[in-house]
Amino acid sequence: MTVYVIVQLKIIDLKGFTEYREMVSPQIAMTGGRGVARGAEVEKLEGDS
């Protein structure tokens, strides 16, 4: 089953986030997960929010 997770983060503790990312990335990879896109600018196509 393919699952896409879309996340928008505001990182306020870069050191803590870096440590978290280093711990979680191998766990995601173990299940075949991978990043598809990172750091892209968001373009609102429609709606008010």
Protein backbone atom coordinates (compact mmCIF):
# COMPACT_ATOMS: atom_id res chain seq x y z
CA MET A 1 0.00 0.00 0.00
CA THR A 2 1.36 3.40 -0.94
CA VAL A 3 0.97 6.18 1.61
CA TYR A 4 1.95 9.82 1.18
CA VAL A 5 2.46 11.96 4.28
CA ILE A 6 2.49 15.72 3.76
CA VAL A 7 4.03 17.76 6.54
CA GLN A 8 4.68 21.46 6.94
CA LEU A 9 6.92 22.20 9.92
CA LYS A 10 8.18 25.28 11.69
CA ILE A 11 11.35 24.08 13.38
CA ILE A 12 12.16 26.07 16.50
CA ASP A 13 14.79 23.71 17.97
CA LEU A 14 17.17 22.85 15.14
CA LYS A 15 19.48 20.76 17.33
CA GLY A 16 16.58 18.70 18.69
CA PHE A 17 15.07 18.25 15.25
CA THR A 18 18.41 17.15 13.80
CA GLU A 19 18.74 14.52 16.54
CA TYR A 20 15.16 13.36 15.92
CA ARG A 21 15.69 13.15 12.16
CA GLU A 22 18.87 11.09 12.64
CA MET A 23 16.98 8.60 14.84
CA VAL A 24 13.84 8.37 12.70
CA SER A 25 15.32 8.26 9.19
CA PRO A 26 16.69 4.69 9.54
CA GLN A 27 13.33 3.52 10.93
CA ILE A 28 11.51 4.96 7.94
CA ALA A 29 14.02 3.40 5.53
CA MET A 30 13.59 -0.02 7.17
CA THR A 31 9.96 -0.05 6.02
CA GLY A 32 10.81 1.12 2.51
CA GLY A 33 9.92 4.76 3.21
CA ARG A 34 11.72 7.62 1.53
CA GLY A 35 11.47 11.35 1.03
CA VAL A 36 9.82 12.33 -2.23
CA ALA A 37 10.17 16.11 -2.01
CA ARG A 38 11.72 18.42 0.56
CA GLY A 39 12.10 22.13 0.92
CA ALA A 40 9.87 23.10 -1.96
CA GLU A 41 8.06 26.41 -2.04
CA VAL A 42 4.34 26.00 -1.47
CA GLU A 43 1.98 27.44 -4.08
CA LYS A 44 -1.67 27.82 -3.05
CA LEU A 45 -3.81 26.87 -6.01
CA GLU A 46 -7.26 27.62 -4.58
CA GLY A 47 -9.15 28.27 -1.36
CA ASP A 48 -8.84 30.84 1.41
CA SER A 49 -6.38 29.24 3.82
